[in-house]
Amino acid sequence: MYIQNFEAFLIAITILTLTPGLDTALVIRNTSRAGFADGCTTSLGICTGLFVHATFSAIGISAILAQSAELFHFVKMIGAAYLIWLGLSSLRALMASGQGLNVAVATHSSLNLKRSLREGFLSNVLNPKTAVFYLAFLPQFINPEHSPLLQSLLMAAIHFVIAMIWQCGLAAALSSAKNLLKNASFMRWMEGTTGVVLVTLGIKLLFEKETV
């Protein structure tokens, strides 16, 4: 396994995938529109978009490595600091009043797989938060001695599998998921868990000795 700190990556990406957000809302909305197949096809589009972000991240990492190992280390430090900032942002949300995820329920219509795939793909690819997150997150686990592209695509593939299982599971249990995601206590718990994971991971990576 080329990926550095693989266990940390797996835990972090799983927790982050389970955290309700824009992708979750879109899957639930489209499942409400035309059923389970609509939700799963939307999830497929969303998860396919992850490979686009992984590819651009790898291109950036390769360019940085071509300059110097010191620059790569500096970028990793910036990325680790960004993860800490994301975690603190989640923890700050605990101070605010708990709110459920805003899920707009679409009017029921006939199934259109091409439409669902397009909506999911464009929603993910055009989401700047996902792009920035991948640029900050993936370099933390890249082994410079091996191909950044292959490692990035492998991590995207792992994220793909986890996200598909989770989002299709939500589509299969839509009514329960909608109620759960509107539950303020659940949302606060998820915000807190995500915040702790990100801050802990960021601090660990920030002070980790460079092995390159």
C-alpha atoms as a PDB file:
ATOM      1  CA  MET A   1       0.000   0.000   0.000  1.00  0.00           C
ATOM      2  CA  TYR A   2       1.660   3.223  -1.162  1.00  0.00           C
ATOM      3  CA  ILE A   3      -0.671   5.554   0.736  1.00  0.00           C
ATOM      4  CA  GLN A   4       0.909   7.002   3.869  1.00  0.00           C
ATOM      5  CA  ASN A   5      -1.079   6.919   7.120  1.00  0.00           C
ATOM      6  CA  PHE A   6      -3.698   4.766   5.399  1.00  0.00           C
ATOM      7  CA  GLU A   7      -5.626   4.028   8.592  1.00  0.00           C
ATOM      8  CA  ALA A   8      -5.941   7.746   9.344  1.00  0.00           C
ATOM      9  CA  PHE A   9      -7.096   8.396   5.779  1.00  0.00           C
ATOM     10  CA  LEU A  10      -9.737   5.664   5.951  1.00  0.00           C
ATOM     11  CA  ILE A  11     -11.156   6.880   9.254  1.00  0.00           C
ATOM     12  CA  ALA A  12     -11.191  10.528   8.199  1.00  0.00           C
ATOM     13  CA  ILE A  13     -12.754   9.989   4.769  1.00  0.00           C
ATOM     14  CA  THR A  14     -15.432   7.702   6.251  1.00  0.00           C
ATOM     15  CA  ILE A  15     -16.437  10.218   8.918  1.00  0.00           C
ATOM     16  CA  LEU A  16     -16.468  13.044   6.392  1.00  0.00           C
ATOM     17  CA  THR A  17     -18.571  11.015   3.951  1.00  0.00           C
ATOM     18  CA  LEU A  18     -21.165  10.316   6.624  1.00  0.00           C
ATOM     19  CA  THR A  19     -21.468  14.010   7.464  1.00  0.00           C
ATOM     20  CA  PRO A  20     -24.632  15.407   5.815  1.00  0.00           C
ATOM     21  CA  GLY A  21     -23.985  18.086   3.219  1.00  0.00           C
ATOM     22  CA  LEU A  22     -24.787  19.200  -0.315  1.00  0.00           C
ATOM     23  CA  ASP A  23     -24.280  15.740  -1.849  1.00  0.00           C
ATOM     24  CA  THR A  24     -26.545  14.122   0.730  1.00  0.00           C
ATOM     25  CA  ALA A  25     -29.239  16.726   0.163  1.00  0.00           C
ATOM     26  CA  LEU A  26     -29.149  16.197  -3.602  1.00  0.00           C
ATOM     27  CA  VAL A  27     -29.414  12.412  -3.273  1.00  0.00           C
ATOM     28  CA  ILE A  28     -32.401  12.725  -0.937  1.00  0.00           C
ATOM     29  CA  ARG A  29     -34.102  15.307  -3.144  1.00  0.00           C
ATOM     30  CA  ASN A  30     -33.758  13.198  -6.274  1.00  0.00           C
ATOM     31  CA  THR A  31     -34.834  10.041  -4.461  1.00  0.00           C
ATOM     32  CA  SER A  32     -37.991  11.923  -3.475  1.00  0.00           C
ATOM     33  CA  ARG A  33     -38.422  12.887  -7.114  1.00  0.00           C
ATOM     34  CA  ALA A  34     -38.327   9.483  -8.794  1.00  0.00           C
ATOM     35  CA  GLY A  35     -37.362   6.806  -6.307  1.00  0.00           C
ATOM     36  CA  PHE A  36     -34.381   4.662  -5.339  1.00  0.00           C
ATOM     37  CA  ALA A  37     -32.885   4.414  -8.846  1.00  0.00           C
ATOM     38  CA  ASP A  38     -32.878   8.206  -9.170  1.00  0.00           C
ATOM     39  CA  GLY A  39     -31.040   8.585  -5.865  1.00  0.00           C
ATOM     40  CA  CYS A  40     -28.451   5.919  -6.651  1.00  0.00           C
ATOM     41  CA  THR A  41     -27.804   7.285 -10.149  1.00  0.00           C
ATOM     42  CA  THR A  42     -27.350  10.744  -8.664  1.00  0.00           C
ATOM     43  CA  SER A  43     -24.882   9.249  -6.180  1.00  0.00           C
ATOM     44  CA  LEU A  44     -23.000   7.611  -9.062  1.00  0.00           C
ATOM     45  CA  GLY A  45     -22.654  10.998 -10.761  1.00  0.00           C
ATOM     46  CA  ILE A  46     -21.481  12.624  -7.543  1.00  0.00           C
ATOM     47  CA  CYS A  47     -18.910   9.933  -6.830  1.00  0.00           C
ATOM     48  CA  THR A  48     -17.620   9.918 -10.418  1.00  0.00           C
ATOM     49  CA  GLY A  49     -16.828  13.595  -9.970  1.00  0.00           C
ATOM     50  CA  LEU A  50     -14.387  12.666  -7.198  1.00  0.00           C
ATOM     51  CA  PHE A  51     -11.952  11.333  -9.796  1.00  0.00           C
ATOM     52  CA  VAL A  52     -11.898  14.725 -11.504  1.00  0.00           C
ATOM     53  CA  HIS A  53     -10.889  16.412  -8.255  1.00  0.00           C
ATOM     54  CA  ALA A  54      -8.331  13.668  -7.545  1.00  0.00           C
ATOM     55  CA  THR A  55      -6.758  14.102 -10.991  1.00  0.00           C
ATOM     56  CA  PHE A  56      -6.386  17.862 -10.653  1.00  0.00           C
ATOM     57  CA  SER A  57      -5.008  17.410  -7.155  1.00  0.00           C
ATOM     58  CA  ALA A  58      -2.428  14.913  -8.438  1.00  0.00           C
ATOM     59  CA  ILE A  59      -1.379  17.266 -11.237  1.00  0.00           C
ATOM     60  CA  GLY A  60      -0.772  19.994  -8.685  1.00  0.00           C
ATOM     61  CA  ILE A  61       1.133  17.634  -6.397  1.00  0.00           C
ATOM     62  CA  SER A  62       3.321  16.407  -9.272  1.00  0.00           C
ATOM     63  CA  ALA A  63       4.154  19.969 -10.262  1.00  0.00           C
ATOM     64  CA  ILE A  64       5.103  20.807  -6.686  1.00  0.00           C
ATOM     65  CA  LEU A  65       7.269  17.695  -6.326  1.00  0.00           C
ATOM     66  CA  ALA A  66       9.052  18.635  -9.554  1.00  0.00           C
ATOM     67  CA  GLN A  67      10.095  21.883  -7.876  1.00  0.00           C
ATOM     68  CA  SER A  68      11.332  20.590  -4.525  1.00  0.00           C
ATOM     69  CA  ALA A  69      10.592  18.270  -1.625  1.00  0.00           C
ATOM     70  CA  GLU A  70      10.720  21.284   0.708  1.00  0.00           C
ATOM     71  CA  LEU A  71       7.917  22.981  -1.217  1.00  0.00           C
ATOM     72  CA  PHE A  72       5.852  19.793  -1.046  1.00  0.00           C
ATOM     73  CA  HIS A  73       6.365  19.695   2.714  1.00  0.00           C
ATOM     74  CA  PHE A  74       5.274  23.341   2.957  1.00  0.00           C
ATOM     75  CA  VAL A  75       2.103  22.596   0.983  1.00  0.00           C
ATOM     76  CA  LYS A  76       1.353  19.672   3.296  1.00  0.00           C
ATOM     77  CA  MET A  77       1.664  21.983   6.285  1.00  0.00           C
ATOM     78  CA  ILE A  78      -0.776  24.435   4.714  1.00  0.00           C
ATOM     79  CA  GLY A  79      -3.153  21.556   4.005  1.00  0.00           C
ATOM     80  CA  ALA A  80      -2.921  20.296   7.589  1.00  0.00           C
ATOM     81  CA  ALA A  81      -3.656  23.802   8.882  1.00  0.00           C
ATOM     82  CA  TYR A  82      -6.665  23.960   6.551  1.00  0.00           C
ATOM     83  CA  LEU A  83      -8.011  20.684   7.953  1.00  0.00           C
ATOM     84  CA  ILE A  84      -7.673  22.090  11.472  1.00  0.00           C
ATOM     85  CA  TRP A  85      -9.567  25.197  10.354  1.00  0.00           C
ATOM     86  CA  LEU A  86     -12.357  23.041   8.896  1.00  0.00           C
ATOM     87  CA  GLY A  87     -12.542  21.098  12.136  1.00  0.00           C
ATOM     88  CA  LEU A  88     -12.732  24.238  14.255  1.00  0.00           C
ATOM     89  CA  SER A  89     -15.458  25.549  11.955  1.00  0.00           C
ATOM     90  CA  SER A  90     -17.494  22.403  12.620  1.00  0.00           C
ATOM     91  CA  LEU A  91     -16.956  22.726  16.355  1.00  0.00           C
ATOM     92  CA  ARG A  92     -18.030  26.366  16.256  1.00  0.00           C
ATOM     93  CA  ALA A  93     -21.292  25.195  14.729  1.00  0.00           C
ATOM     94  CA  LEU A  94     -22.031  23.484  18.057  1.00  0.00           C
ATOM     95  CA  MET A  95     -22.303  26.926  19.615  1.00  0.00           C
ATOM     96  CA  ALA A  96     -25.074  27.859  17.214  1.00  0.00           C
ATOM     97  CA  SER A  97     -28.617  26.581  17.396  1.00  0.00           C
ATOM     98  CA  GLY A  98     -28.869  23.077  15.936  1.00  0.00           C
ATOM     99  CA  GLN A  99     -30.518  22.913  12.555  1.00  0.00           C
ATOM    100  CA  GLY A 100     -31.352  19.937  10.386  1.00  0.00           C
ATOM    101  CA  LEU A 101     -30.141  19.638   6.829  1.00  0.00           C
ATOM    102  CA  ASN A 102     -32.236  21.689   4.437  1.00  0.00           C
ATOM    103  CA  VAL A 103     -33.588  19.063   2.082  1.00  0.00           C
ATOM    104  CA  ALA A 104     -35.823  20.369  -0.669  1.00  0.00           C
ATOM    105  CA  VAL A 105     -38.249  17.657  -1.722  1.00  0.00           C
ATOM    106  CA  ALA A 106     -38.705  17.625  -5.480  1.00  0.00           C
ATOM    107  CA  THR A 107     -42.049  17.064  -7.121  1.00  0.00           C
ATOM    108  CA  HIS A 108     -42.472  13.431  -8.128  1.00  0.00           C
ATOM    109  CA  SER A 109     -41.646  12.848 -11.773  1.00  0.00           C
ATOM    110  CA  SER A 110     -40.610  10.050 -14.122  1.00  0.00           C
ATOM    111  CA  LEU A 111     -37.138   8.539 -13.860  1.00  0.00           C
ATOM    112  CA  ASN A 112     -34.481  10.040 -16.131  1.00  0.00           C
ATOM    113  CA  LEU A 113     -31.120   8.376 -15.465  1.00  0.00           C
ATOM    114  CA  LYS A 114     -29.182  10.695 -17.755  1.00  0.00           C
ATOM    115  CA  ARG A 115     -30.552  13.730 -15.925  1.00  0.00           C
ATOM    116  CA  SER A 116     -29.775  12.216 -12.518  1.00  0.00           C
ATOM    117  CA  LEU A 117     -26.211  11.325 -13.512  1.00  0.00           C
ATOM    118  CA  ARG A 118     -25.615  14.800 -14.949  1.00  0.00           C
ATOM    119  CA  GLU A 119     -26.999  16.567 -11.881  1.00  0.00           C
ATOM    120  CA  GLY A 120     -24.845  14.519  -9.512  1.00  0.00           C
ATOM    121  CA  PHE A 121     -21.670  14.874 -11.576  1.00  0.00           C
ATOM    122  CA  LEU A 122     -21.970  18.624 -12.127  1.00  0.00           C
ATOM    123  CA  SER A 123     -22.947  19.230  -8.499  1.00  0.00           C
ATOM    124  CA  ASN A 124     -19.719  17.585  -7.340  1.00  0.00           C
ATOM    125  CA  VAL A 125     -17.303  18.799 -10.020  1.00  0.00           C
ATOM    126  CA  LEU A 126     -18.482  22.410  -9.795  1.00  0.00           C
ATOM    127  CA  ASN A 127     -18.407  22.479  -5.987  1.00  0.00           C
ATOM    128  CA  PRO A 128     -15.358  24.605  -5.026  1.00  0.00           C
ATOM    129  CA  LYS A 129     -15.422  23.255  -1.466  1.00  0.00           C
ATOM    130  CA  THR A 130     -14.781  19.722  -2.740  1.00  0.00           C
ATOM    131  CA  ALA A 131     -11.954  20.930  -4.986  1.00  0.00           C
ATOM    132  CA  VAL A 132     -10.241  22.833  -2.169  1.00  0.00           C
ATOM    133  CA  PHE A 133     -10.725  19.950   0.240  1.00  0.00           C
ATOM    134  CA  TYR A 134      -9.121  17.436  -2.116  1.00  0.00           C
ATOM    135  CA  LEU A 135      -6.201  19.798  -2.760  1.00  0.00           C
ATOM    136  CA  ALA A 136      -5.631  20.054   1.000  1.00  0.00           C
ATOM    137  CA  PHE A 137      -6.540  16.509   2.039  1.00  0.00           C
ATOM    138  CA  LEU A 138      -4.921  14.157  -0.469  1.00  0.00           C
ATOM    139  CA  PRO A 139      -1.322  15.475  -0.216  1.00  0.00           C
ATOM    140  CA  GLN A 140      -1.284  14.485   3.453  1.00  0.00           C
ATOM    141  CA  PHE A 141      -1.286  10.819   2.423  1.00  0.00           C
ATOM    142  CA  ILE A 142       0.828  10.928  -0.745  1.00  0.00           C
ATOM    143  CA  ASN A 143       4.108   9.011  -0.751  1.00  0.00           C
ATOM    144  CA  PRO A 144       6.449  11.126  -2.943  1.00  0.00           C
ATOM    145  CA  GLU A 145       8.387   8.006  -3.921  1.00  0.00           C
ATOM    146  CA  HIS A 146       5.418   6.708  -5.906  1.00  0.00           C
ATOM    147  CA  SER A 147       3.030   8.125  -8.493  1.00  0.00           C
ATOM    148  CA  PRO A 148       0.875  10.934  -7.034  1.00  0.00           C
ATOM    149  CA  LEU A 149      -1.725  10.290  -9.752  1.00  0.00           C
ATOM    150  CA  LEU A 150      -2.133   6.593  -8.978  1.00  0.00           C
ATOM    151  CA  GLN A 151      -2.293   7.252  -5.245  1.00  0.00           C
ATOM    152  CA  SER A 152      -4.812  10.074  -5.691  1.00  0.00           C
ATOM    153  CA  LEU A 153      -7.014   7.932  -7.918  1.00  0.00           C
ATOM    154  CA  LEU A 154      -6.789   5.066  -5.418  1.00  0.00           C
ATOM    155  CA  MET A 155      -7.923   7.337  -2.601  1.00  0.00           C
ATOM    156  CA  ALA A 156     -10.726   8.669  -4.804  1.00  0.00           C
ATOM    157  CA  ALA A 157     -11.752   5.065  -5.551  1.00  0.00           C
ATOM    158  CA  ILE A 158     -11.933   4.294  -1.826  1.00  0.00           C
ATOM    159  CA  HIS A 159     -13.965   7.461  -1.278  1.00  0.00           C
ATOM    160  CA  PHE A 160     -16.163   6.419  -4.229  1.00  0.00           C
ATOM    161  CA  VAL A 161     -17.018   3.052  -2.652  1.00  0.00           C
ATOM    162  CA  ILE A 162     -17.727   4.486   0.804  1.00  0.00           C
ATOM    163  CA  ALA A 163     -19.861   7.330  -0.577  1.00  0.00           C
ATOM    164  CA  MET A 164     -21.856   5.043  -2.897  1.00  0.00           C
ATOM    165  CA  ILE A 165     -22.668   2.647  -0.059  1.00  0.00           C
ATOM    166  CA  TRP A 166     -23.711   5.484   2.242  1.00  0.00           C
ATOM    167  CA  GLN A 167     -25.714   7.518  -0.267  1.00  0.00           C
ATOM    168  CA  CYS A 168     -27.496   4.523  -1.776  1.00  0.00           C
ATOM    169  CA  GLY A 169     -28.298   3.393   1.750  1.00  0.00           C
ATOM    170  CA  LEU A 170     -29.897   6.784   2.363  1.00  0.00           C
ATOM    171  CA  ALA A 171     -31.873   6.443  -0.842  1.00  0.00           C
ATOM    172  CA  ALA A 172     -33.105   3.016   0.255  1.00  0.00           C
ATOM    173  CA  ALA A 173     -34.311   4.384   3.584  1.00  0.00           C
ATOM    174  CA  LEU A 174     -35.452   7.816   2.457  1.00  0.00           C
ATOM    175  CA  SER A 175     -38.196   8.484   4.992  1.00  0.00           C
ATOM    176  CA  SER A 176     -35.992   7.567   7.960  1.00  0.00           C
ATOM    177  CA  ALA A 177     -33.030   9.482   6.546  1.00  0.00           C
ATOM    178  CA  LYS A 178     -35.074  12.628   6.010  1.00  0.00           C
ATOM    179  CA  ASN A 179     -36.276  12.606   9.585  1.00  0.00           C
ATOM    180  CA  LEU A 180     -32.782  11.886  10.882  1.00  0.00           C
ATOM    181  CA  LEU A 181     -31.169  14.668   8.885  1.00  0.00           C
ATOM    182  CA  LYS A 182     -33.760  17.122  10.188  1.00  0.00           C
ATOM    183  CA  ASN A 183     -32.960  16.122  13.766  1.00  0.00           C
ATOM    184  CA  ALA A 184     -30.994  18.937  15.444  1.00  0.00           C
ATOM    185  CA  SER A 185     -29.324  16.638  18.000  1.00  0.00           C
ATOM    186  CA  PHE A 186     -28.051  14.301  15.294  1.00  0.00           C
ATOM    187  CA  MET A 187     -26.691  17.199  13.242  1.00  0.00           C
ATOM    188  CA  ARG A 188     -24.897  18.656  16.266  1.00  0.00           C
ATOM    189  CA  TRP A 189     -23.374  15.254  17.050  1.00  0.00           C
ATOM    190  CA  MET A 190     -22.147  14.883  13.463  1.00  0.00           C
ATOM    191  CA  GLU A 191     -20.708  18.416  13.446  1.00  0.00           C
ATOM    192  CA  GLY A 192     -18.874  17.736  16.688  1.00  0.00           C
ATOM    193  CA  THR A 193     -17.535  14.360  15.576  1.00  0.00           C
ATOM    194  CA  THR A 194     -16.340  15.744  12.256  1.00  0.00           C
ATOM    195  CA  GLY A 195     -14.707  18.710  13.971  1.00  0.00           C
ATOM    196  CA  VAL A 196     -12.788  16.534  16.442  1.00  0.00           C
ATOM    197  CA  VAL A 197     -11.619  14.157  13.675  1.00  0.00           C
ATOM    198  CA  LEU A 198     -10.384  16.997  11.450  1.00  0.00           C
ATOM    199  CA  VAL A 199      -8.627  18.912  14.219  1.00  0.00           C
ATOM    200  CA  THR A 200      -6.971  15.758  15.568  1.00  0.00           C
ATOM    201  CA  LEU A 201      -5.873  14.653  12.108  1.00  0.00           C
ATOM    202  CA  GLY A 202      -4.624  18.127  11.201  1.00  0.00           C
ATOM    203  CA  ILE A 203      -2.556  18.447  14.387  1.00  0.00           C
ATOM    204  CA  LYS A 204      -1.102  14.956  13.907  1.00  0.00           C
ATOM    205  CA  LEU A 205      -0.085  15.730  10.343  1.00  0.00           C
ATOM    206  CA  LEU A 206       1.162  19.219  11.199  1.00  0.00           C
ATOM    207  CA  PHE A 207       3.662  17.924  13.744  1.00  0.00           C
ATOM    208  CA  GLU A 208       4.513  14.662  12.029  1.00  0.00           C
ATOM    209  CA  LYS A 209       8.152  14.308  11.112  1.00  0.00           C
ATOM    210  CA  GLU A 210       8.822  14.381   7.396  1.00  0.00           C
ATOM    211  CA  THR A 211       9.873  10.911   6.196  1.00  0.00           C
ATOM    212  CA  VAL A 212      10.818  11.933   2.658  1.00  0.00           C
END
